[in-house]
C-alpha atoms as a PDB file:
ATOM      1  CA  UNK A   1       3.940  66.863  -3.116  1.00  0.00           C
ATOM      2  CA  UNK A   2       0.388  67.826  -2.128  1.00  0.00           C
ATOM      3  CA  UNK A   3      -0.182  69.368  -5.581  1.00  0.00           C
ATOM      4  CA  UNK A   4       0.851  66.115  -7.246  1.00  0.00           C
ATOM      5  CA  UNK A   5      -1.406  64.054  -4.990  1.00  0.00           C
ATOM      6  CA  UNK A   6      -4.365  66.362  -5.596  1.00  0.00           C
ATOM      7  CA  UNK A   7      -3.629  66.386  -9.330  1.00  0.00           C
ATOM      8  CA  UNK A   8      -3.566  62.595  -9.489  1.00  0.00           C
ATOM      9  CA  UNK A   9      -6.749  62.383  -7.419  1.00  0.00           C
ATOM     10  CA  UNK A  10      -8.464  64.931  -9.658  1.00  0.00           C
ATOM     11  CA  UNK A  11      -7.392  63.014 -12.763  1.00  0.00           C
ATOM     12  CA  UNK A  12      -8.661  59.724 -11.292  1.00  0.00           C
ATOM     13  CA  UNK A  13     -12.026  61.306 -10.453  1.00  0.00           C
ATOM     14  CA  UNK A  14     -12.287  62.725 -13.967  1.00  0.00           C
ATOM     15  CA  UNK A  15     -11.497  59.338 -15.521  1.00  0.00           C
ATOM     16  CA  UNK A  16     -14.089  57.666 -13.279  1.00  0.00           C
ATOM     17  CA  UNK A  17     -16.674  60.220 -14.385  1.00  0.00           C
ATOM     18  CA  UNK A  18     -15.964  59.531 -18.071  1.00  0.00           C
ATOM     19  CA  UNK A  19     -16.127  55.772 -17.477  1.00  0.00           C
ATOM     20  CA  UNK A  20     -19.479  56.245 -15.725  1.00  0.00           C
ATOM     21  CA  UNK A  21     -20.853  58.195 -18.696  1.00  0.00           C
ATOM     22  CA  UNK A  22     -19.670  55.474 -21.085  1.00  0.00           C
ATOM     23  CA  UNK A  23     -21.104  52.742 -18.850  1.00  0.00           C
ATOM     24  CA  UNK A  24     -24.528  54.396 -18.699  1.00  0.00           C
ATOM     25  CA  UNK A  25     -24.689  54.735 -22.479  1.00  0.00           C
ATOM     26  CA  UNK A  26     -23.369  51.217 -22.953  1.00  0.00           C
ATOM     27  CA  UNK A  27     -26.055  49.902 -20.604  1.00  0.00           C
ATOM     28  CA  UNK A  28     -28.815  51.625 -22.595  1.00  0.00           C
ATOM     29  CA  UNK A  29     -27.414  50.345 -25.892  1.00  0.00           C
ATOM     30  CA  UNK A  30     -27.140  46.810 -24.570  1.00  0.00           C
ATOM     31  CA  UNK A  31     -30.686  46.913 -23.219  1.00  0.00           C
ATOM     32  CA  UNK A  32     -31.829  47.822 -26.723  1.00  0.00           C
ATOM     33  CA  UNK A  33     -33.645  50.642 -24.957  1.00  0.00           C
ATOM     34  CA  UNK A  34     -36.005  53.025 -26.727  1.00  0.00           C
ATOM     35  CA  UNK A  35     -34.252  55.587 -28.875  1.00  0.00           C
ATOM     36  CA  UNK A  36     -35.458  58.287 -26.458  1.00  0.00           C
ATOM     37  CA  UNK A  37     -33.586  56.668 -23.546  1.00  0.00           C
ATOM     38  CA  UNK A  38     -30.475  56.215 -25.654  1.00  0.00           C
ATOM     39  CA  UNK A  39     -30.714  59.857 -26.750  1.00  0.00           C
ATOM     40  CA  UNK A  40     -30.693  61.049 -23.140  1.00  0.00           C
ATOM     41  CA  UNK A  41     -27.591  59.015 -22.275  1.00  0.00           C
ATOM     42  CA  UNK A  42     -25.799  59.919 -25.492  1.00  0.00           C
ATOM     43  CA  UNK A  43     -26.595  63.595 -24.872  1.00  0.00           C
ATOM     44  CA  UNK A  44     -24.986  63.339 -21.432  1.00  0.00           C
ATOM     45  CA  UNK A  45     -21.937  61.654 -22.914  1.00  0.00           C
ATOM     46  CA  UNK A  46     -21.555  64.253 -25.667  1.00  0.00           C
ATOM     47  CA  UNK A  47     -21.993  67.088 -23.182  1.00  0.00           C
ATOM     48  CA  UNK A  48     -18.944  65.776 -21.361  1.00  0.00           C
ATOM     49  CA  UNK A  49     -16.849  64.215 -24.141  1.00  0.00           C
ATOM     50  CA  UNK A  50     -17.701  66.347 -27.145  1.00  0.00           C
ATOM     51  CA  UNK A  51     -19.511  69.567 -26.297  1.00  0.00           C
ATOM     52  CA  UNK A  52     -18.720  70.984 -29.743  1.00  0.00           C
ATOM     53  CA  UNK A  53     -20.532  68.081 -31.437  1.00  0.00           C
ATOM     54  CA  UNK A  54     -23.494  68.514 -29.099  1.00  0.00           C
ATOM     55  CA  UNK A  55     -23.545  72.226 -29.991  1.00  0.00           C
ATOM     56  CA  UNK A  56     -23.638  71.317 -33.712  1.00  0.00           C
ATOM     57  CA  UNK A  57     -26.608  69.045 -33.042  1.00  0.00           C
ATOM     58  CA  UNK A  58     -28.436  71.818 -31.198  1.00  0.00           C
ATOM     59  CA  UNK A  59     -27.673  74.282 -34.015  1.00  0.00           C
ATOM     60  CA  UNK A  60     -29.429  71.872 -36.383  1.00  0.00           C
ATOM     61  CA  UNK A  61     -32.575  72.284 -34.282  1.00  0.00           C
ATOM     62  CA  UNK A  62     -32.461  68.841 -32.727  1.00  0.00           C
ATOM     63  CA  UNK A  63     -33.890  68.787 -29.217  1.00  0.00           C
ATOM     64  CA  UNK A  64     -34.184  66.076 -26.600  1.00  0.00           C
ATOM     65  CA  UNK A  65     -37.751  65.493 -27.806  1.00  0.00           C
ATOM     66  CA  UNK A  66     -36.643  64.983 -31.428  1.00  0.00           C
ATOM     67  CA  UNK A  67     -33.287  63.274 -30.824  1.00  0.00           C
ATOM     68  CA  UNK A  68     -34.711  59.802 -31.434  1.00  0.00           C
ATOM     69  CA  UNK A  69     -35.536  60.835 -35.006  1.00  0.00           C
ATOM     70  CA  UNK A  70     -31.986  62.150 -35.436  1.00  0.00           C
ATOM     71  CA  UNK A  71     -30.694  58.582 -35.034  1.00  0.00           C
ATOM     72  CA  UNK A  72     -32.668  57.695 -38.174  1.00  0.00           C
ATOM     73  CA  UNK A  73     -30.997  60.392 -40.288  1.00  0.00           C
ATOM     74  CA  UNK A  74     -29.079  57.815 -42.386  1.00  0.00           C
ATOM     75  CA  UNK A  75     -32.430  56.342 -43.467  1.00  0.00           C
ATOM     76  CA  UNK A  76     -33.631  59.818 -44.433  1.00  0.00           C
ATOM     77  CA  UNK A  77     -30.395  60.372 -46.364  1.00  0.00           C
ATOM     78  CA  UNK A  78     -30.958  57.200 -48.378  1.00  0.00           C
ATOM     79  CA  UNK A  79     -34.587  58.158 -48.999  1.00  0.00           C
ATOM     80  CA  UNK A  80     -33.409  61.474 -50.498  1.00  0.00           C
ATOM     81  CA  UNK A  81     -30.637  59.826 -52.578  1.00  0.00           C
ATOM     82  CA  UNK A  82     -32.383  60.261 -55.900  1.00  0.00           C
ATOM     83  CA  UNK A  83     -33.549  63.825 -55.250  1.00  0.00           C
ATOM     84  CA  UNK A  84     -37.002  63.078 -53.908  1.00  0.00           C
ATOM     85  CA  UNK A  85     -38.572  60.744 -51.379  1.00  0.00           C
ATOM     86  CA  UNK A  86     -40.872  58.190 -52.960  1.00  0.00           C
ATOM     87  CA  UNK A  87     -43.980  57.076 -51.101  1.00  0.00           C
ATOM     88  CA  UNK A  88     -42.577  53.563 -50.695  1.00  0.00           C
ATOM     89  CA  UNK A  89     -39.393  54.989 -49.136  1.00  0.00           C
ATOM     90  CA  UNK A  90     -41.407  57.243 -46.827  1.00  0.00           C
ATOM     91  CA  UNK A  91     -43.532  54.311 -45.683  1.00  0.00           C
ATOM     92  CA  UNK A  92     -40.446  52.187 -45.065  1.00  0.00           C
ATOM     93  CA  UNK A  93     -38.754  54.882 -42.965  1.00  0.00           C
ATOM     94  CA  UNK A  94     -41.940  55.372 -40.930  1.00  0.00           C
ATOM     95  CA  UNK A  95     -42.311  51.620 -40.400  1.00  0.00           C
ATOM     96  CA  UNK A  96     -38.700  51.335 -39.243  1.00  0.00           C
ATOM     97  CA  UNK A  97     -39.201  54.319 -36.914  1.00  0.00           C
ATOM     98  CA  UNK A  98     -42.220  52.632 -35.330  1.00  0.00           C
ATOM     99  CA  UNK A  99     -40.242  49.391 -34.932  1.00  0.00           C
ATOM    100  CA  UNK A 100     -37.595  51.385 -33.076  1.00  0.00           C
ATOM    101  CA  UNK A 101     -40.092  52.831 -30.617  1.00  0.00           C
ATOM    102  CA  UNK A 102     -40.859  56.246 -32.081  1.00  0.00           C
ATOM    103  CA  UNK A 103     -44.450  56.897 -31.035  1.00  0.00           C
ATOM    104  CA  UNK A 104     -47.111  57.948 -33.527  1.00  0.00           C
ATOM    105  CA  UNK A 105     -47.923  61.278 -31.876  1.00  0.00           C
ATOM    106  CA  UNK A 106     -44.398  62.165 -30.740  1.00  0.00           C
ATOM    107  CA  UNK A 107     -42.346  65.259 -31.602  1.00  0.00           C
ATOM    108  CA  UNK A 108     -39.682  62.867 -32.920  1.00  0.00           C
ATOM    109  CA  UNK A 109     -42.054  61.424 -35.523  1.00  0.00           C
ATOM    110  CA  UNK A 110     -43.246  64.893 -36.523  1.00  0.00           C
ATOM    111  CA  UNK A 111     -39.615  65.964 -37.034  1.00  0.00           C
ATOM    112  CA  UNK A 112     -38.841  62.795 -38.994  1.00  0.00           C
ATOM    113  CA  UNK A 113     -41.788  63.486 -41.307  1.00  0.00           C
ATOM    114  CA  UNK A 114     -40.553  67.052 -41.765  1.00  0.00           C
ATOM    115  CA  UNK A 115     -37.109  65.769 -42.818  1.00  0.00           C
ATOM    116  CA  UNK A 116     -38.795  63.425 -45.290  1.00  0.00           C
ATOM    117  CA  UNK A 117     -40.765  66.349 -46.709  1.00  0.00           C
ATOM    118  CA  UNK A 118     -37.944  68.932 -46.801  1.00  0.00           C
ATOM    119  CA  UNK A 119     -34.431  67.615 -47.420  1.00  0.00           C
ATOM    120  CA  UNK A 120     -31.998  68.412 -44.601  1.00  0.00           C
ATOM    121  CA  UNK A 121     -28.544  69.797 -45.404  1.00  0.00           C
ATOM    122  CA  UNK A 122     -25.491  67.651 -46.048  1.00  0.00           C
ATOM    123  CA  UNK A 123     -24.026  68.911 -42.754  1.00  0.00           C
ATOM    124  CA  UNK A 124     -27.129  67.570 -41.001  1.00  0.00           C
ATOM    125  CA  UNK A 125     -26.428  64.096 -42.357  1.00  0.00           C
ATOM    126  CA  UNK A 126     -22.697  64.209 -41.583  1.00  0.00           C
ATOM    127  CA  UNK A 127     -23.370  65.430 -38.028  1.00  0.00           C
ATOM    128  CA  UNK A 128     -25.869  62.614 -37.493  1.00  0.00           C
ATOM    129  CA  UNK A 129     -23.241  60.089 -38.572  1.00  0.00           C
ATOM    130  CA  UNK A 130     -20.718  61.676 -36.184  1.00  0.00           C
ATOM    131  CA  UNK A 131     -23.218  61.304 -33.340  1.00  0.00           C
ATOM    132  CA  UNK A 132     -23.955  57.668 -34.199  1.00  0.00           C
ATOM    133  CA  UNK A 133     -20.237  56.964 -34.452  1.00  0.00           C
ATOM    134  CA  UNK A 134     -19.671  58.547 -31.015  1.00  0.00           C
ATOM    135  CA  UNK A 135     -22.471  56.484 -29.533  1.00  0.00           C
ATOM    136  CA  UNK A 136     -21.245  53.226 -31.024  1.00  0.00           C
ATOM    137  CA  UNK A 137     -17.650  53.955 -29.948  1.00  0.00           C
ATOM    138  CA  UNK A 138     -18.388  52.805 -26.374  1.00  0.00           C
ATOM    139  CA  UNK A 139     -19.327  49.332 -27.595  1.00  0.00           C
ATOM    140  CA  UNK A 140     -16.915  46.420 -27.883  1.00  0.00           C
ATOM    141  CA  UNK A 141     -15.961  45.778 -31.527  1.00  0.00           C
ATOM    142  CA  UNK A 142     -18.411  42.921 -32.158  1.00  0.00           C
ATOM    143  CA  UNK A 143     -21.359  44.825 -30.673  1.00  0.00           C
ATOM    144  CA  UNK A 144     -20.337  47.989 -32.527  1.00  0.00           C
ATOM    145  CA  UNK A 145     -20.288  46.083 -35.820  1.00  0.00           C
ATOM    146  CA  UNK A 146     -23.693  44.601 -35.009  1.00  0.00           C
ATOM    147  CA  UNK A 147     -25.116  48.100 -34.482  1.00  0.00           C
ATOM    148  CA  UNK A 148     -23.528  49.414 -37.672  1.00  0.00           C
ATOM    149  CA  UNK A 149     -24.934  46.427 -39.570  1.00  0.00           C
ATOM    150  CA  UNK A 150     -28.384  47.136 -38.129  1.00  0.00           C
ATOM    151  CA  UNK A 151     -28.244  50.740 -39.374  1.00  0.00           C
ATOM    152  CA  UNK A 152     -26.994  49.629 -42.785  1.00  0.00           C
ATOM    153  CA  UNK A 153     -29.664  46.930 -43.066  1.00  0.00           C
ATOM    154  CA  UNK A 154     -32.336  49.534 -42.326  1.00  0.00           C
ATOM    155  CA  UNK A 155     -30.808  51.880 -44.909  1.00  0.00           C
ATOM    156  CA  UNK A 156     -30.806  49.062 -47.459  1.00  0.00           C
ATOM    157  CA  UNK A 157     -34.501  48.430 -46.764  1.00  0.00           C
ATOM    158  CA  UNK A 158     -35.193  52.075 -47.594  1.00  0.00           C
ATOM    159  CA  UNK A 159     -33.113  51.835 -50.775  1.00  0.00           C
ATOM    160  CA  UNK A 160     -34.843  48.634 -51.866  1.00  0.00           C
ATOM    161  CA  UNK A 161     -38.283  50.126 -51.190  1.00  0.00           C
ATOM    162  CA  UNK A 162     -38.035  52.172 -54.353  1.00  0.00           C
ATOM    163  CA  UNK A 163     -37.035  49.191 -56.476  1.00  0.00           C
ATOM    164  CA  UNK A 164     -38.127  49.251 -60.043  1.00  0.00           C
ATOM    165  CA  UNK A 165     -39.065  46.604 -62.560  1.00  0.00           C
ATOM    166  CA  UNK A 166     -35.550  45.106 -62.515  1.00  0.00           C
ATOM    167  CA  UNK A 167     -36.063  43.804 -59.006  1.00  0.00           C
ATOM    168  CA  UNK A 168     -39.407  42.257 -59.903  1.00  0.00           C
ATOM    169  CA  UNK A 169     -37.730  40.247 -62.640  1.00  0.00           C
ATOM    170  CA  UNK A 170     -34.628  39.463 -60.563  1.00  0.00           C
ATOM    171  CA  UNK A 171     -32.344  41.484 -62.810  1.00  0.00           C
ATOM    172  CA  UNK A 172     -30.985  43.622 -59.972  1.00  0.00           C
ATOM    173  CA  UNK A 173     -31.435  44.227 -56.246  1.00  0.00           C
ATOM    174  CA  UNK A 174     -33.371  47.453 -56.740  1.00  0.00           C
ATOM    175  CA  UNK A 175     -30.689  49.686 -55.241  1.00  0.00           C
ATOM    176  CA  UNK A 176     -29.665  52.482 -57.589  1.00  0.00           C
ATOM    177  CA  UNK A 177     -26.018  53.409 -58.035  1.00  0.00           C
ATOM    178  CA  UNK A 178     -26.640  56.701 -56.192  1.00  0.00           C
ATOM    179  CA  UNK A 179     -28.194  54.815 -53.263  1.00  0.00           C
ATOM    180  CA  UNK A 180     -25.340  52.293 -53.305  1.00  0.00           C
ATOM    181  CA  UNK A 181     -22.809  55.143 -53.104  1.00  0.00           C
ATOM    182  CA  UNK A 182     -24.633  56.655 -50.128  1.00  0.00           C
ATOM    183  CA  UNK A 183     -24.832  53.266 -48.407  1.00  0.00           C
ATOM    184  CA  UNK A 184     -21.091  52.830 -48.895  1.00  0.00           C
ATOM    185  CA  UNK A 185     -20.413  56.337 -47.562  1.00  0.00           C
ATOM    186  CA  UNK A 186     -22.567  55.742 -44.467  1.00  0.00           C
ATOM    187  CA  UNK A 187     -20.810  52.419 -43.836  1.00  0.00           C
ATOM    188  CA  UNK A 188     -17.418  54.077 -44.148  1.00  0.00           C
ATOM    189  CA  UNK A 189     -18.337  56.830 -41.692  1.00  0.00           C
ATOM    190  CA  UNK A 190     -19.792  54.494 -39.114  1.00  0.00           C
ATOM    191  CA  UNK A 191     -16.928  52.031 -39.352  1.00  0.00           C
ATOM    192  CA  UNK A 192     -14.152  54.625 -39.365  1.00  0.00           C
ATOM    193  CA  UNK A 193     -11.676  54.609 -36.503  1.00  0.00           C
ATOM    194  CA  UNK A 194     -10.749  57.812 -34.733  1.00  0.00           C
END
């Protein structure tokens, strides 16, 4: 009898701990906190909920100081869609990073610039999407969709930054078929259900 009582108590404490981790991350997301603050809370959540995913992130060389840049990996992926990052795409990613609170002289911005100079691996991009998906999973459906839409809108801005003559004349939206495929893939990953 005592074993059952202690087992139930232990399980209740564990569930409370997980709820607390989710609540802390949810609070940061709802506050629209700086990416650095969100990174700290998401790191805590992953350490508890998904240590293997956190280990993959660390293996990619992402640290607490550069984690904010990691949240912008989908933008970097779109910038690299056509095999090289154009200056207009680079400028758009950097502008969006600044709008999201990444400071000019921060390690996160330095890492972001490195990823825009040297293309990260496909596993880097897929791991970043897994992390974003895990972070958004604590949100109620409407808020989650709002966050996914925000990421996709930012990705679309990067894709449209490299628009050619067709966009100037209103012939197309300036998003290449390769970029459109990547946008669709990112949307599918972020909207997938576990």
